[in-house]
PDB file of N, CA and C in Angstrom:
ATOM      1  N   THR A   1      -2.004 -24.333 -15.006  1.00  0.00           N
ATOM      2  CA  THR A   1      -2.847 -25.109 -14.149  1.00  0.00           C
ATOM      3  C   THR A   1      -3.162 -26.472 -15.053  1.00  0.00           C
ATOM      4  N   GLN A   2      -3.873 -26.117 -16.178  1.00  0.00           N
ATOM      5  CA  GLN A   2      -3.954 -27.609 -17.052  1.00  0.00           C
ATOM      6  C   GLN A   2      -2.641 -28.280 -17.292  1.00  0.00           C
ATOM      7  N   PHE A   3      -1.714 -27.592 -17.723  1.00  0.00           N
ATOM      8  CA  PHE A   3      -0.416 -28.271 -17.915  1.00  0.00           C
ATOM      9  C   PHE A   3       0.029 -29.139 -16.807  1.00  0.00           C
ATOM     10  N   CYS A   4       0.140 -28.540 -15.637  1.00  0.00           N
ATOM     11  CA  CYS A   4       0.362 -29.331 -14.250  1.00  0.00           C
ATOM     12  C   CYS A   4      -0.547 -30.476 -14.056  1.00  0.00           C
ATOM     13  N   LYS A   5      -1.720 -30.442 -14.296  1.00  0.00           N
ATOM     14  CA  LYS A   5      -2.719 -31.632 -14.184  1.00  0.00           C
ATOM     15  C   LYS A   5      -2.500 -32.435 -15.241  1.00  0.00           C
ATOM     16  N   ARG A   6      -2.194 -32.076 -16.483  1.00  0.00           N
ATOM     17  CA  ARG A   6      -1.990 -33.269 -17.569  1.00  0.00           C
ATOM     18  C   ARG A   6      -0.792 -34.043 -17.442  1.00  0.00           C
ATOM     19  N   ASN A   7       0.311 -33.260 -16.958  1.00  0.00           N
ATOM     20  CA  ASN A   7       1.529 -33.807 -16.928  1.00  0.00           C
ATOM     21  C   ASN A   7       1.989 -34.084 -15.266  1.00  0.00           C
ATOM     22  N   LEU A   8       0.968 -34.340 -14.351  1.00  0.00           N
ATOM     23  CA  LEU A   8       1.468 -34.459 -13.062  1.00  0.00           C
ATOM     24  C   LEU A   8       2.299 -35.617 -12.791  1.00  0.00           C
ATOM     25  N   LYS A   9       2.080 -36.659 -13.369  1.00  0.00           N
ATOM     26  CA  LYS A   9       2.965 -37.964 -12.984  1.00  0.00           C
ATOM     27  C   LYS A   9       4.466 -37.655 -13.543  1.00  0.00           C
ATOM     28  N   GLN A  10       4.787 -36.965 -14.519  1.00  0.00           N
ATOM     29  CA  GLN A  10       5.983 -36.609 -14.846  1.00  0.00           C
ATOM     30  C   GLN A  10       6.609 -35.481 -13.936  1.00  0.00           C
ATOM     31  N   LEU A  11       6.005 -34.691 -13.663  1.00  0.00           N
ATOM     32  CA  LEU A  11       6.225 -33.413 -12.710  1.00  0.00           C
ATOM     33  C   LEU A  11       6.533 -34.002 -11.366  1.00  0.00           C
ATOM     34  N   LEU A  12       6.205 -34.985 -10.942  1.00  0.00           N
ATOM     35  CA  LEU A  12       6.375 -35.736  -9.771  1.00  0.00           C
ATOM     36  C   LEU A  12       7.703 -36.386  -9.527  1.00  0.00           C
ATOM     37  N   HIS A  13       8.396 -36.466 -10.658  1.00  0.00           N
ATOM     38  CA  HIS A  13       9.571 -37.316 -10.839  1.00  0.00           C
ATOM     39  C   HIS A  13      10.696 -36.133 -11.005  1.00  0.00           C
ATOM     40  N   MET A  14      10.394 -34.924 -11.049  1.00  0.00           N
ATOM     41  CA  MET A  14      11.348 -33.937 -11.411  1.00  0.00           C
ATOM     42  C   MET A  14      11.471 -33.027 -10.079  1.00  0.00           C
ATOM     43  N   LYS A  15      12.537 -32.111  -9.994  1.00  0.00           N
ATOM     44  CA  LYS A  15      12.783 -31.084  -8.981  1.00  0.00           C
ATOM     45  C   LYS A  15      12.236 -30.054  -9.606  1.00  0.00           C
ATOM     46  N   ILE A  16      11.191 -29.398  -8.833  1.00  0.00           N
ATOM     47  CA  ILE A  16      10.406 -28.200  -9.401  1.00  0.00           C
ATOM     48  C   ILE A  16      10.126 -27.145  -8.248  1.00  0.00           C
ATOM     49  N   GLY A  17      10.056 -26.104  -8.471  1.00  0.00           N
ATOM     50  CA  GLY A  17       9.567 -25.084  -7.621  1.00  0.00           C
ATOM     51  C   GLY A  17       8.276 -24.433  -8.480  1.00  0.00           C
ATOM     52  N   LEU A  18       7.364 -24.024  -7.672  1.00  0.00           N
ATOM     53  CA  LEU A  18       6.096 -23.526  -8.172  1.00  0.00           C
ATOM     54  C   LEU A  18       6.039 -21.995  -7.759  1.00  0.00           C
ATOM     55  N   PHE A  19       5.640 -21.050  -8.669  1.00  0.00           N
ATOM     56  CA  PHE A  19       5.414 -19.879  -8.310  1.00  0.00           C
ATOM     57  C   PHE A  19       4.282 -19.295  -9.153  1.00  0.00           C
ATOM     58  N   VAL A  20       3.780 -18.136  -8.577  1.00  0.00           N
ATOM     59  CA  VAL A  20       2.851 -17.328  -9.333  1.00  0.00           C
ATOM     60  C   VAL A  20       3.320 -15.876  -9.482  1.00  0.00           C
ATOM     61  N   CYS A  21       2.861 -15.187 -10.460  1.00  0.00           N
ATOM     62  CA  CYS A  21       3.332 -13.870 -10.680  1.00  0.00           C
ATOM     63  C   CYS A  21       2.044 -12.966 -10.387  1.00  0.00           C
ATOM     64  N   CYS A  22       1.853 -12.446  -9.272  1.00  0.00           N
ATOM     65  CA  CYS A  22       0.686 -11.754  -8.914  1.00  0.00           C
ATOM     66  C   CYS A  22       0.787 -11.004  -7.565  1.00  0.00           C
ATOM     67  N   TYR A  23      -0.003 -10.254  -6.993  1.00  0.00           N
ATOM     68  CA  TYR A  23      -0.002  -9.630  -5.890  1.00  0.00           C
ATOM     69  C   TYR A  23      -0.722 -10.222  -4.779  1.00  0.00           C
ATOM     70  N   THR A  24      -1.078 -11.510  -4.927  1.00  0.00           N
ATOM     71  CA  THR A  24      -1.664 -12.251  -3.677  1.00  0.00           C
ATOM     72  C   THR A  24      -0.336 -12.740  -2.851  1.00  0.00           C
ATOM     73  N   PRO A  25      -0.470 -12.371  -1.560  1.00  0.00           N
ATOM     74  CA  PRO A  25       0.819 -12.902  -0.670  1.00  0.00           C
ATOM     75  C   PRO A  25       0.852 -14.456  -0.691  1.00  0.00           C
ATOM     76  N   LYS A  26       2.287 -14.981  -0.750  1.00  0.00           N
ATOM     77  CA  LYS A  26       2.086 -16.425  -0.720  1.00  0.00           C
ATOM     78  C   LYS A  26       1.527 -17.188   0.488  1.00  0.00           C
ATOM     79  N   ASP A  27       1.310 -16.527   1.631  1.00  0.00           N
ATOM     80  CA  ASP A  27       0.957 -17.032   2.809  1.00  0.00           C
ATOM     81  C   ASP A  27      -0.749 -17.080   2.949  1.00  0.00           C
ATOM     82  N   THR A  28      -1.478 -16.566   1.829  1.00  0.00           N
ATOM     83  CA  THR A  28      -2.705 -16.469   1.604  1.00  0.00           C
ATOM     84  C   THR A  28      -3.395 -18.079   1.728  1.00  0.00           C
ATOM     85  N   GLU A  29      -4.099 -18.374   2.512  1.00  0.00           N
ATOM     86  CA  GLU A  29      -4.515 -19.765   2.722  1.00  0.00           C
ATOM     87  C   GLU A  29      -5.368 -20.055   1.675  1.00  0.00           C
ATOM     88  N   GLY A  30      -4.856 -21.484   1.071  1.00  0.00           N
ATOM     89  CA  GLY A  30      -5.875 -22.033   0.153  1.00  0.00           C
ATOM     90  C   GLY A  30      -5.645 -21.412  -1.442  1.00  0.00           C
ATOM     91  N   PHE A  31      -4.631 -20.439  -1.552  1.00  0.00           N
ATOM     92  CA  PHE A  31      -4.343 -19.874  -2.856  1.00  0.00           C
ATOM     93  C   PHE A  31      -3.770 -20.732  -3.839  1.00  0.00           C
ATOM     94  N   PHE A  32      -2.779 -21.439  -3.264  1.00  0.00           N
ATOM     95  CA  PHE A  32      -1.920 -22.228  -4.305  1.00  0.00           C
ATOM     96  C   PHE A  32      -2.753 -23.582  -4.721  1.00  0.00           C
ATOM     97  N   GLU A  33      -3.591 -23.858  -3.918  1.00  0.00           N
ATOM     98  CA  GLU A  33      -4.477 -25.130  -4.019  1.00  0.00           C
ATOM     99  C   GLU A  33      -5.506 -25.063  -4.897  1.00  0.00           C
ATOM    100  N   THR A  34      -5.831 -23.644  -5.421  1.00  0.00           N
ATOM    101  CA  THR A  34      -6.673 -23.408  -6.524  1.00  0.00           C
ATOM    102  C   THR A  34      -6.134 -23.432  -7.668  1.00  0.00           C
ATOM    103  N   LEU A  35      -4.793 -23.409  -7.712  1.00  0.00           N
ATOM    104  CA  LEU A  35      -3.882 -23.178  -8.898  1.00  0.00           C
ATOM    105  C   LEU A  35      -3.230 -24.531  -9.348  1.00  0.00           C
ATOM    106  N   TYR A  36      -2.654 -25.171  -8.564  1.00  0.00           N
ATOM    107  CA  TYR A  36      -1.830 -26.416  -8.569  1.00  0.00           C
ATOM    108  C   TYR A  36      -2.646 -27.627  -7.886  1.00  0.00           C
ATOM    109  N   PRO A  37      -2.422 -28.916  -8.234  1.00  0.00           N
ATOM    110  CA  PRO A  37      -2.726 -30.083  -7.717  1.00  0.00           C
ATOM    111  C   PRO A  37      -1.718 -30.206  -6.337  1.00  0.00           C
ATOM    112  N   ILE A  38      -2.723 -30.566  -5.224  1.00  0.00           N
ATOM    113  CA  ILE A  38      -2.020 -30.679  -3.937  1.00  0.00           C
ATOM    114  C   ILE A  38      -0.767 -31.505  -3.961  1.00  0.00           C
ATOM    115  N   GLU A  39      -0.914 -32.592  -4.682  1.00  0.00           N
ATOM    116  CA  GLU A  39       0.361 -33.459  -4.706  1.00  0.00           C
ATOM    117  C   GLU A  39       1.345 -32.777  -5.361  1.00  0.00           C
ATOM    118  N   LEU A  40       1.461 -31.884  -6.349  1.00  0.00           N
ATOM    119  CA  LEU A  40       2.632 -31.054  -6.738  1.00  0.00           C
ATOM    120  C   LEU A  40       3.014 -30.174  -5.942  1.00  0.00           C
ATOM    121  N   ILE A  41       2.111 -29.357  -4.984  1.00  0.00           N
ATOM    122  CA  ILE A  41       2.494 -28.435  -4.319  1.00  0.00           C
ATOM    123  C   ILE A  41       3.449 -29.401  -2.933  1.00  0.00           C
ATOM    124  N   ASN A  42       2.924 -30.256  -2.481  1.00  0.00           N
ATOM    125  CA  ASN A  42       3.686 -31.073  -1.636  1.00  0.00           C
ATOM    126  C   ASN A  42       5.112 -31.628  -2.005  1.00  0.00           C
ATOM    127  N   HIS A  43       5.050 -31.889  -3.394  1.00  0.00           N
ATOM    128  CA  HIS A  43       6.320 -32.295  -3.885  1.00  0.00           C
ATOM    129  C   HIS A  43       7.370 -31.275  -4.173  1.00  0.00           C
ATOM    130  N   ALA A  44       7.005 -29.996  -4.436  1.00  0.00           N
ATOM    131  CA  ALA A  44       7.804 -28.770  -4.896  1.00  0.00           C
ATOM    132  C   ALA A  44       8.736 -28.440  -3.795  1.00  0.00           C
ATOM    133  N   SER A  45       9.957 -28.157  -4.346  1.00  0.00           N
ATOM    134  CA  SER A  45      11.008 -27.705  -3.358  1.00  0.00           C
ATOM    135  C   SER A  45      10.941 -26.249  -2.842  1.00  0.00           C
ATOM    136  N   TYR A  46      10.095 -25.459  -3.565  1.00  0.00           N
ATOM    137  CA  TYR A  46       9.762 -24.166  -3.136  1.00  0.00           C
ATOM    138  C   TYR A  46       8.512 -23.707  -3.673  1.00  0.00           C
ATOM    139  N   VAL A  47       7.528 -23.078  -2.910  1.00  0.00           N
ATOM    140  CA  VAL A  47       6.300 -22.677  -3.589  1.00  0.00           C
ATOM    141  C   VAL A  47       6.182 -21.250  -3.161  1.00  0.00           C
ATOM    142  N   THR A  48       5.734 -20.362  -4.099  1.00  0.00           N
ATOM    143  CA  THR A  48       6.060 -18.872  -3.540  1.00  0.00           C
ATOM    144  C   THR A  48       5.104 -17.976  -4.670  1.00  0.00           C
ATOM    145  N   SER A  49       4.822 -16.710  -4.047  1.00  0.00           N
ATOM    146  CA  SER A  49       4.313 -15.708  -5.214  1.00  0.00           C
ATOM    147  C   SER A  49       5.500 -14.749  -5.157  1.00  0.00           C
ATOM    148  N   VAL A  50       5.932 -14.221  -6.460  1.00  0.00           N
ATOM    149  CA  VAL A  50       6.948 -13.457  -6.794  1.00  0.00           C
ATOM    150  C   VAL A  50       6.561 -12.075  -6.762  1.00  0.00           C
ATOM    151  N   GLY A  51       5.203 -11.690  -6.656  1.00  0.00           N
ATOM    152  CA  GLY A  51       4.705 -10.305  -6.777  1.00  0.00           C
ATOM    153  C   GLY A  51       4.378 -10.198  -8.225  1.00  0.00           C
ATOM    154  N   GLY A  52       4.262  -8.923  -8.475  1.00  0.00           N
ATOM    155  CA  GLY A  52       3.839  -8.508  -9.859  1.00  0.00           C
ATOM    156  C   GLY A  52       3.736  -7.001  -9.899  1.00  0.00           C
ATOM    157  N   LYS A  53       3.174  -6.507 -10.919  1.00  0.00           N
ATOM    158  CA  LYS A  53       3.186  -4.980 -11.054  1.00  0.00           C
ATOM    159  C   LYS A  53       1.940  -4.805 -11.914  1.00  0.00           C
ATOM    160  N   LEU A  54       1.122  -4.014 -11.471  1.00  0.00           N
ATOM    161  CA  LEU A  54       0.017  -3.394 -12.436  1.00  0.00           C
ATOM    162  C   LEU A  54       0.480  -2.348 -13.344  1.00  0.00           C
ATOM    163  N   ASP A  55       0.557  -2.732 -14.656  1.00  0.00           N
ATOM    164  CA  ASP A  55       0.904  -1.790 -15.578  1.00  0.00           C
ATOM    165  C   ASP A  55      -0.460  -1.227 -16.224  1.00  0.00           C
ATOM    166  N   TYR A  56      -0.867  -0.081 -15.711  1.00  0.00           N
ATOM    167  CA  TYR A  56      -2.196   0.411 -16.096  1.00  0.00           C
ATOM    168  C   TYR A  56      -2.060   0.810 -17.606  1.00  0.00           C
ATOM    169  N   GLU A  57      -0.925   1.142 -18.219  1.00  0.00           N
ATOM    170  CA  GLU A  57      -0.917   1.450 -19.647  1.00  0.00           C
ATOM    171  C   GLU A  57      -1.267   0.340 -20.423  1.00  0.00           C
ATOM    172  N   LYS A  58      -0.802  -0.821 -20.070  1.00  0.00           N
ATOM    173  CA  LYS A  58      -1.001  -2.137 -20.604  1.00  0.00           C
ATOM    174  C   LYS A  58      -2.188  -2.806 -20.486  1.00  0.00           C
ATOM    175  N   MET A  59      -3.146  -2.340 -19.601  1.00  0.00           N
ATOM    176  CA  MET A  59      -4.277  -2.804 -19.246  1.00  0.00           C
ATOM    177  C   MET A  59      -5.429  -2.831 -20.409  1.00  0.00           C
ATOM    178  N   ASN A  60      -6.119  -3.695 -20.559  1.00  0.00           N
ATOM    179  CA  ASN A  60      -7.219  -3.295 -21.414  1.00  0.00           C
ATOM    180  C   ASN A  60      -8.199  -2.328 -20.675  1.00  0.00           C
ATOM    181  N   VAL A  61      -8.964  -1.810 -21.418  1.00  0.00           N
ATOM    182  CA  VAL A  61      -9.790  -0.507 -20.931  1.00  0.00           C
ATOM    183  C   VAL A  61     -10.729  -0.887 -19.793  1.00  0.00           C
ATOM    184  N   LEU A  62     -11.242  -2.236 -19.765  1.00  0.00           N
ATOM    185  CA  LEU A  62     -12.122  -2.385 -18.656  1.00  0.00           C
ATOM    186  C   LEU A  62     -11.472  -2.641 -17.403  1.00  0.00           C
ATOM    187  N   TYR A  63     -10.374  -3.244 -17.326  1.00  0.00           N
ATOM    188  CA  TYR A  63      -9.397  -3.546 -16.175  1.00  0.00           C
ATOM    189  C   TYR A  63      -9.105  -2.207 -15.769  1.00  0.00           C
ATOM    190  N   ARG A  64      -8.538  -1.220 -16.572  1.00  0.00           N
ATOM    191  CA  ARG A  64      -8.042  -0.072 -16.149  1.00  0.00           C
ATOM    192  C   ARG A  64      -9.390   0.928 -15.614  1.00  0.00           C
ATOM    193  N   LYS A  65     -10.350   0.818 -16.029  1.00  0.00           N
ATOM    194  CA  LYS A  65     -11.330   1.653 -15.520  1.00  0.00           C
ATOM    195  C   LYS A  65     -11.830   0.936 -14.184  1.00  0.00           C
ATOM    196  N   LEU A  66     -11.736  -0.196 -14.029  1.00  0.00           N
ATOM    197  CA  LEU A  66     -12.276  -0.972 -12.928  1.00  0.00           C
ATOM    198  C   LEU A  66     -11.296  -0.464 -11.636  1.00  0.00           C
ATOM    199  N   PHE A  67      -9.977  -0.701 -12.063  1.00  0.00           N
ATOM    200  CA  PHE A  67      -8.848  -0.198 -10.987  1.00  0.00           C
ATOM    201  C   PHE A  67      -9.083   1.289 -10.561  1.00  0.00           C
ATOM    202  N   HIS A  68      -9.136   2.136 -11.446  1.00  0.00           N
ATOM    203  CA  HIS A  68      -9.384   3.589 -11.415  1.00  0.00           C
ATOM    204  C   HIS A  68     -10.616   3.879 -10.487  1.00  0.00           C
ATOM    205  N   SER A  69     -11.800   3.192 -10.768  1.00  0.00           N
ATOM    206  CA  SER A  69     -12.752   3.229 -10.051  1.00  0.00           C
ATOM    207  C   SER A  69     -12.575   2.711  -8.544  1.00  0.00           C
ATOM    208  N   LEU A  70     -12.142   1.625  -8.391  1.00  0.00           N
ATOM    209  CA  LEU A  70     -11.917   1.079  -7.187  1.00  0.00           C
ATOM    210  C   LEU A  70     -10.968   1.774  -6.212  1.00  0.00           C
ATOM    211  N   LYS A  71     -10.061   2.504  -6.955  1.00  0.00           N
ATOM    212  CA  LYS A  71      -9.061   3.415  -6.184  1.00  0.00           C
ATOM    213  C   LYS A  71      -9.829   4.764  -5.600  1.00  0.00           C
ATOM    214  N   LYS A  72     -11.125   4.953  -6.048  1.00  0.00           N
ATOM    215  CA  LYS A  72     -11.826   6.264  -5.615  1.00  0.00           C
ATOM    216  C   LYS A  72     -12.653   5.665  -4.287  1.00  0.00           C
ATOM    217  N   ILE A  73     -12.685   4.422  -3.949  1.00  0.00           N
ATOM    218  CA  ILE A  73     -13.467   3.729  -2.873  1.00  0.00           C
ATOM    219  C   ILE A  73     -12.343   3.800  -1.495  1.00  0.00           C
ATOM    220  N   ASP A  74     -12.671   4.580  -0.532  1.00  0.00           N
ATOM    221  CA  ASP A  74     -11.800   4.679   0.745  1.00  0.00           C
ATOM    222  C   ASP A  74     -11.623   3.178   1.218  1.00  0.00           C
ATOM    223  N   SER A  75     -12.635   2.334   1.367  1.00  0.00           N
ATOM    224  CA  SER A  75     -12.422   1.140   1.927  1.00  0.00           C
ATOM    225  C   SER A  75     -11.581   0.075   1.020  1.00  0.00           C
ATOM    226  N   PHE A  76     -11.630   0.460  -0.281  1.00  0.00           N
ATOM    227  CA  PHE A  76     -10.726  -0.424  -1.127  1.00  0.00           C
ATOM    228  C   PHE A  76      -9.126   0.053  -0.801  1.00  0.00           C
ATOM    229  N   ASN A  77      -9.063   1.380  -0.604  1.00  0.00           N
ATOM    230  CA  ASN A  77      -7.582   1.827  -0.584  1.00  0.00           C
ATOM    231  C   ASN A  77      -7.125   1.601   0.640  1.00  0.00           C
ATOM    232  N   GLU A  78      -7.672   1.497   1.586  1.00  0.00           N
ATOM    233  CA  GLU A  78      -7.452   1.177   3.057  1.00  0.00           C
ATOM    234  C   GLU A  78      -6.503  -0.202   3.212  1.00  0.00           C
ATOM    235  N   ARG A  79      -6.957  -1.337   2.306  1.00  0.00           N
ATOM    236  CA  ARG A  79      -6.452  -2.612   2.037  1.00  0.00           C
ATOM    237  C   ARG A  79      -5.364  -2.759   0.833  1.00  0.00           C
ATOM    238  N   PHE A  80      -5.541  -1.884   0.045  1.00  0.00           N
ATOM    239  CA  PHE A  80      -4.920  -2.220  -1.399  1.00  0.00           C
ATOM    240  C   PHE A  80      -3.491  -1.364  -1.249  1.00  0.00           C
ATOM    241  N   THR A  81      -2.577  -2.299  -1.666  1.00  0.00           N
ATOM    242  CA  THR A  81      -1.237  -1.544  -1.800  1.00  0.00           C
ATOM    243  C   THR A  81      -0.739  -1.978  -3.415  1.00  0.00           C
ATOM    244  N   GLU A  82      -0.081  -0.990  -3.992  1.00  0.00           N
ATOM    245  CA  GLU A  82       0.360  -1.370  -5.358  1.00  0.00           C
ATOM    246  C   GLU A  82       1.292  -2.613  -5.251  1.00  0.00           C
ATOM    247  N   PRO A  83       1.163  -3.587  -6.021  1.00  0.00           N
ATOM    248  CA  PRO A  83       2.055  -4.691  -5.833  1.00  0.00           C
ATOM    249  C   PRO A  83       3.269  -4.373  -6.461  1.00  0.00           C
ATOM    250  N   GLU A  84       4.412  -5.072  -6.117  1.00  0.00           N
ATOM    251  CA  GLU A  84       5.889  -4.965  -6.299  1.00  0.00           C
ATOM    252  C   GLU A  84       6.494  -6.451  -6.821  1.00  0.00           C
ATOM    253  N   ILE A  85       7.279  -6.168  -7.613  1.00  0.00           N
ATOM    254  CA  ILE A  85       8.006  -7.636  -7.833  1.00  0.00           C
ATOM    255  C   ILE A  85       8.971  -7.679  -6.871  1.00  0.00           C
ATOM    256  N   ASN A  86       8.888  -9.087  -6.105  1.00  0.00           N
ATOM    257  CA  ASN A  86       9.669  -9.478  -5.127  1.00  0.00           C
ATOM    258  C   ASN A  86      11.066 -10.146  -5.574  1.00  0.00           C
ATOM    259  N   GLU A  87      11.967  -9.408  -5.689  1.00  0.00           N
ATOM    260  CA  GLU A  87      13.283 -10.005  -5.939  1.00  0.00           C
ATOM    261  C   GLU A  87      13.820 -10.979  -5.343  1.00  0.00           C
ATOM    262  N   SER A  88      13.604 -10.739  -3.917  1.00  0.00           N
ATOM    263  CA  SER A  88      14.406 -11.853  -2.767  1.00  0.00           C
ATOM    264  C   SER A  88      13.732 -13.037  -2.882  1.00  0.00           C
ATOM    265  N   GLU A  89      12.248 -13.199  -3.128  1.00  0.00           N
ATOM    266  CA  GLU A  89      11.557 -14.429  -3.456  1.00  0.00           C
ATOM    267  C   GLU A  89      11.919 -15.021  -4.836  1.00  0.00           C
ATOM    268  N   ILE A  90      12.183 -14.369  -5.911  1.00  0.00           N
ATOM    269  CA  ILE A  90      12.684 -14.942  -7.011  1.00  0.00           C
ATOM    270  C   ILE A  90      14.090 -15.802  -6.680  1.00  0.00           C
ATOM    271  N   LYS A  91      15.016 -14.923  -6.111  1.00  0.00           N
ATOM    272  CA  LYS A  91      16.363 -15.245  -5.693  1.00  0.00           C
ATOM    273  C   LYS A  91      16.152 -16.693  -5.027  1.00  0.00           C
ATOM    274  N   LYS A  92      15.396 -16.728  -3.937  1.00  0.00           N
ATOM    275  CA  LYS A  92      15.229 -18.036  -2.945  1.00  0.00           C
ATOM    276  C   LYS A  92      14.614 -19.289  -4.142  1.00  0.00           C
ATOM    277  N   LEU A  93      13.522 -18.738  -4.655  1.00  0.00           N
ATOM    278  CA  LEU A  93      13.258 -19.839  -5.775  1.00  0.00           C
ATOM    279  C   LEU A  93      14.216 -20.412  -6.579  1.00  0.00           C
ATOM    280  N   ALA A  94      15.158 -19.385  -7.052  1.00  0.00           N
ATOM    281  CA  ALA A  94      16.096 -20.002  -8.043  1.00  0.00           C
ATOM    282  C   ALA A  94      17.255 -20.866  -7.351  1.00  0.00           C
ATOM    283  N   GLU A  95      17.503 -20.364  -5.946  1.00  0.00           N
ATOM    284  CA  GLU A  95      18.548 -20.914  -5.375  1.00  0.00           C
ATOM    285  C   GLU A  95      18.103 -22.416  -4.951  1.00  0.00           C
ATOM    286  N   THR A  96      16.744 -22.377  -4.554  1.00  0.00           N
ATOM    287  CA  THR A  96      16.274 -23.823  -3.933  1.00  0.00           C
ATOM    288  C   THR A  96      16.342 -24.817  -5.160  1.00  0.00           C
ATOM    289  N   VAL A  97      15.731 -24.152  -6.191  1.00  0.00           N
ATOM    290  CA  VAL A  97      15.621 -25.321  -7.295  1.00  0.00           C
ATOM    291  C   VAL A  97      17.167 -25.683  -7.981  1.00  0.00           C
ATOM    292  N   ASN A  98      18.014 -24.694  -7.878  1.00  0.00           N
ATOM    293  CA  ASN A  98      19.376 -25.024  -8.466  1.00  0.00           C
ATOM    294  C   ASN A  98      20.397 -25.868  -7.482  1.00  0.00           C
ATOM    295  N   LYS A  99      19.946 -26.214  -6.363  1.00  0.00           N
ATOM    296  CA  LYS A  99      20.664 -26.950  -5.444  1.00  0.00           C
ATOM    297  C   LYS A  99      20.799 -28.392  -5.856  1.00  0.00           C
TER     298      LYS A  99
END
């Protein structure tokens, strides 16, 4: 985010694709605007979320305990699905930027 803000003028002269690696869906309203300047979002050839993976073994103790506690709550489990890496979005991003 800071890199994009500091280098906005230069990035606006380049062909770019913007992505995040997380489990927030790409159509979540306002999500990308919290990460990237709106000018950069509008300029990008493709903007997407490529998914992610929760690797509980690599999480620090606090996050691991948090997720294990959350998974015991029924209302959390009703809305939560384990994130996956979205290979088709990665492919679309690469194809669009490489055109």
